[in-house]
Protein backbone atom coordinates (compact mmCIF):
# COMPACT_ATOMS: atom_id res chain seq x y z
CA MET A 1 -3.75 -12.76 -16.60
CA ARG A 2 -6.83 -13.58 -16.20
CA LEU A 3 -10.63 -11.73 -15.67
CA LEU A 4 -13.13 -13.34 -13.66
CA PRO A 5 -17.05 -12.05 -13.47
CA TYR A 6 -17.97 -11.10 -9.65
CA GLY A 7 -21.43 -10.67 -8.39
CA ASP A 8 -23.19 -8.78 -11.15
CA ARG A 9 -21.49 -5.98 -11.78
CA GLY A 10 -17.89 -6.71 -10.16
CA LEU A 11 -15.04 -8.05 -12.80
CA LEU A 12 -11.84 -9.47 -10.89
CA VAL A 13 -8.32 -8.98 -12.60
CA GLU A 14 -6.30 -11.55 -11.87
CA LEU A 15 -2.72 -10.75 -11.66
CA ALA A 16 0.24 -11.79 -10.90
CA GLY A 17 1.85 -9.57 -8.70
CA THR A 18 1.80 -6.17 -6.88
CA ALA A 19 3.89 -5.00 -9.58
CA GLU A 20 1.18 -5.62 -12.26
CA VAL A 21 -1.76 -4.86 -10.26
CA VAL A 22 -0.31 -0.98 -9.89
CA ALA A 23 0.60 -0.94 -13.40
CA CYS A 24 -2.67 -1.49 -14.23
CA THR A 25 -4.23 -0.03 -11.04
CA ASP A 26 -3.33 3.50 -12.43
CA ALA A 27 -3.89 2.74 -16.41
CA VAL A 28 -7.88 2.26 -15.27
CA ARG A 29 -7.69 5.25 -13.36
CA ALA A 30 -6.02 7.20 -15.62
CA ASP A 31 -8.75 6.25 -18.70
CA PRO A 32 -11.89 8.98 -18.82
CA ALA A 33 -13.99 6.03 -20.48
CA ALA A 34 -13.01 3.99 -17.79
CA ALA A 35 -15.01 6.78 -14.82
CA ALA A 36 -18.13 6.62 -16.39
CA LEU A 37 -18.59 3.23 -16.37
CA LEU A 38 -17.09 2.42 -13.01
CA LEU A 39 -17.89 2.86 -9.48
CA ASP A 40 -14.71 1.57 -7.47
CA VAL A 41 -11.03 -0.20 -8.50
CA VAL A 42 -10.14 -1.48 -5.54
CA PRO A 43 -6.97 -2.89 -5.42
CA GLY A 44 -5.53 -6.10 -4.16
CA ALA A 45 -2.32 -8.01 -3.31
CA ARG A 46 -2.95 -9.83 -6.60
CA SER A 47 -6.08 -8.35 -8.72
CA VAL A 48 -7.89 -5.75 -8.76
CA LEU A 49 -11.29 -5.85 -8.50
CA LEU A 50 -13.59 -3.85 -11.11
CA VAL A 51 -16.85 -2.47 -9.51
CA ALA A 52 -19.32 -1.42 -12.78
CA ARG A 53 -21.65 1.35 -11.82
CA PRO A 54 -25.87 0.32 -11.97
CA GLY A 55 -26.68 -0.53 -15.61
CA ILE A 56 -23.54 -1.26 -17.27
CA PRO A 57 -23.23 -4.85 -17.71
CA LEU A 58 -20.21 -6.42 -18.27
CA ASP A 59 -19.13 -6.98 -20.94
CA ARG A 60 -18.07 -3.65 -21.02
CA LEU A 61 -16.27 -3.71 -18.59
CA ARG A 62 -14.14 -6.06 -19.99
CA SER A 63 -12.53 -2.73 -22.26
CA VAL A 64 -11.24 -0.63 -19.54
CA VAL A 65 -8.97 -3.26 -18.50
CA PRO A 66 -5.16 -2.20 -20.53
CA ASP A 67 -4.51 -5.18 -23.08
CA GLU A 68 -0.82 -4.00 -22.51
CA MET A 69 0.30 -2.04 -18.81
CA VAL A 70 3.31 -0.62 -18.08
CA VAL A 71 5.87 -2.83 -15.10
CA GLU A 72 8.34 -0.10 -13.26
CA SER A 73 10.27 -1.30 -11.04
CA PRO A 74 9.50 -0.16 -7.17
CA ALA A 75 13.14 2.89 -7.68
CA SER A 76 11.69 4.40 -11.46
CA ARG A 77 7.71 3.90 -10.80
CA PRO A 78 6.22 6.74 -11.19
CA PHE A 79 4.00 8.39 -7.89
CA ARG A 80 0.74 9.89 -8.71
CA PRO A 81 -0.68 11.47 -5.05
CA VAL A 82 -4.68 10.67 -5.27
CA ARG A 83 -5.71 12.26 -1.72
CA ARG A 84 -4.42 15.39 -2.08
CA ALA A 85 -2.23 16.26 -5.65
CA GLY A 86 0.93 17.76 -5.83
CA ALA A 87 1.85 16.41 -1.99
CA GLU A 88 3.37 13.81 -0.16
CA ILE A 89 1.15 12.56 3.20
CA ARG A 90 3.87 12.84 5.65
CA VAL A 91 4.02 9.92 8.45
CA ALA A 92 6.32 11.35 11.75
CA VAL A 93 7.68 8.38 13.10
CA VAL A 94 9.94 7.69 15.96
CA TYR A 95 12.34 5.01 15.27
CA ASP A 96 13.04 3.07 17.92
CA GLY A 97 10.97 -0.34 17.08
CA PRO A 98 11.66 -3.51 19.14
CA ASP A 99 12.70 -5.12 15.60
CA LEU A 100 14.80 -2.09 14.44
CA ALA A 101 18.59 -4.35 15.93
CA GLU A 102 17.19 -7.14 13.71
CA VAL A 103 16.82 -5.59 10.96
CA ALA A 104 19.68 -3.88 10.72
CA ARG A 105 21.78 -7.36 11.18
CA GLN A 106 19.03 -9.47 8.39
CA THR A 107 19.77 -6.11 5.25
CA GLY A 108 23.59 -5.65 6.70
CA LEU A 109 22.65 -2.18 7.48
CA SER A 110 23.64 0.30 10.88
CA GLU A 111 20.42 0.69 12.43
CA ALA A 112 21.03 4.52 11.02
CA GLU A 113 21.09 3.31 7.80
CA VAL A 114 17.74 1.40 8.11
CA VAL A 115 15.98 4.79 9.22
CA ALA A 116 17.73 6.15 6.43
CA ALA A 117 16.41 3.95 4.22
CA HIS A 118 13.30 3.64 4.51
CA THR A 119 12.89 7.76 5.59
CA GLY A 120 14.97 8.74 2.39
CA THR A 121 12.20 7.29 -0.45
CA PRO A 122 8.92 8.08 -0.51
CA TRP A 123 6.74 4.98 -0.87
CA ARG A 124 3.39 4.10 -2.30
CA VAL A 125 -0.02 2.75 -0.99
CA ALA A 126 -0.61 -0.08 -3.00
CA PHE A 127 -3.76 -1.75 -1.63
CA GLY A 128 -5.56 -1.65 2.31
CA GLY A 129 -6.72 -4.04 3.93
CA PHE A 130 -5.89 -6.88 7.48
CA ALA A 131 -7.88 -3.52 9.28
CA PRO A 132 -9.14 -0.72 8.42
CA GLY A 133 -7.24 1.77 7.78
CA PHE A 134 -4.06 -0.23 7.21
CA ALA A 135 -2.44 -0.22 3.33
CA TYR A 136 -0.05 -1.88 2.33
CA LEU A 137 2.87 0.21 1.00
CA VAL A 138 5.47 -0.72 -1.82
CA GLY A 139 8.42 0.98 -3.99
CA GLY A 140 10.84 1.55 -0.85
CA ASP A 141 14.64 1.23 -0.39
CA PRO A 142 14.95 -2.31 -1.89
CA ARG A 143 17.99 -3.28 0.55
CA LEU A 144 14.43 -3.19 3.32
CA ARG A 145 13.12 -6.39 2.31
CA VAL A 146 13.19 -9.33 6.04
CA PRO A 147 11.43 -11.64 6.14
CA ARG A 148 8.99 -11.71 8.81
CA ARG A 149 9.00 -12.56 12.06
CA ALA A 150 9.45 -16.60 12.77
CA GLU A 151 7.18 -16.00 15.41
CA PRO A 152 3.85 -13.05 15.26
CA ARG A 153 3.08 -11.20 18.32
CA THR A 154 -0.74 -11.80 19.58
CA THR A 155 -0.48 -7.64 20.83
CA VAL A 156 1.50 -4.87 18.05
CA PRO A 157 0.07 -1.48 19.84
CA ALA A 158 -1.75 0.88 17.26
CA GLY A 159 0.97 3.14 15.70
CA SER A 160 3.41 1.03 14.86
CA VAL A 161 5.73 0.76 11.46
CA GLY A 162 6.68 -2.55 10.61
CA LEU A 163 8.28 -4.47 7.04
CA ALA A 164 7.39 -7.54 5.90
CA GLY A 165 8.71 -8.65 2.39
CA GLU A 166 8.39 -5.26 -0.19
CA PHE A 167 5.77 -4.01 1.64
CA SER A 168 6.15 -1.25 4.93
CA GLY A 169 3.10 -0.82 6.81
CA VAL A 170 1.80 0.81 10.09
CA TYR A 171 -0.53 -0.34 12.56
CA PRO A 172 -4.09 1.42 12.93
CA ARG A 173 -4.85 -0.25 15.53
CA ALA A 174 -4.08 -3.02 17.89
CA SER A 175 -3.20 -6.05 17.44
CA PRO A 176 -1.42 -9.55 16.49
CA GLY A 177 0.88 -8.77 14.17
CA GLY A 178 4.49 -10.11 12.57
CA TRP A 179 5.92 -7.57 10.51
CA GLN A 180 9.46 -6.53 11.94
CA LEU A 181 8.54 -3.55 13.44
CA ILE A 182 11.08 -0.73 13.40
CA GLY A 183 9.35 2.57 15.26
CA ARG A 184 6.45 4.64 15.65
CA THR A 185 4.09 7.15 14.86
CA ASP A 186 0.89 9.07 16.92
CA VAL A 187 -1.03 9.61 12.75
CA VAL A 188 -4.72 8.67 12.91
CA LEU A 189 -4.88 6.48 10.28
CA TRP A 190 -8.61 5.27 10.42
CA ASP A 191 -10.85 8.29 11.88
CA LEU A 192 -14.71 7.82 11.57
CA ASP A 193 -15.28 11.11 11.45
CA ARG A 194 -13.49 12.23 9.25
CA GLU A 195 -13.97 11.36 5.36
CA PRO A 196 -13.18 8.87 4.22
CA PRO A 197 -11.62 7.28 7.43
CA ALA A 198 -9.22 5.74 6.31
CA LEU A 199 -6.10 8.35 5.79
CA LEU A 200 -3.94 6.59 3.37
CA ALA A 201 -6.25 5.29 0.07
CA ALA A 202 -5.21 3.26 -2.44
CA GLY A 203 -2.65 4.86 -4.87
CA ALA A 204 -1.21 8.22 -2.62
CA THR A 205 2.24 8.54 -1.35
CA VAL A 206 4.30 8.80 1.70
CA ARG A 207 6.73 9.84 2.65
CA PHE A 208 8.39 8.84 7.17
CA VAL A 209 10.13 11.79 8.80
CA ALA A 210 12.24 10.43 11.20
CA VAL A 211 12.27 12.65 15.33
CA PRO A 212 13.13 12.88 18.18
CA ALA A 213 11.29 10.10 20.55
């Protein structure tokens, strides 16, 4: 772990990987003392940005960074929804993606087993990025870890559900992309008329639900 100043009101906590990011984010958000000091907590792939409230010196931010963190495996990691207390965010998916057969081939599962694995475990939003409303989801069935496509697509339709490495995600709008596409959803992930606009916030849990076409 490394701590770096990030402007005059930010402290960047550099970490080894996504599991450490989730553990650090959880620890900071669970600390009552941190609420008085922090304006925002922004997790990334291998870092957590702590943004201080006006008038809070950076030296005080260092006090909220945990000296030790419990880093759990995806299977045992607790899920703490932040948008809706006690509820999962359910995303209905039609599993007819163009890469479903390829994911089945790479994992050694049948297409039905890929769907069952994707829907059978709740996912957690580790961090957002790439495009407004895009959430990197972790904690799914480890059998679904597949590489990105060798050749990215120039256009991926909005609502496409994909896999890449340890992550799953939903494309909030049409864009280029290299993830393995296994399905599609009509759920709106980014809406400027909604507060907040992003449906999936860091720390939220997501349950994919298979529906017919």
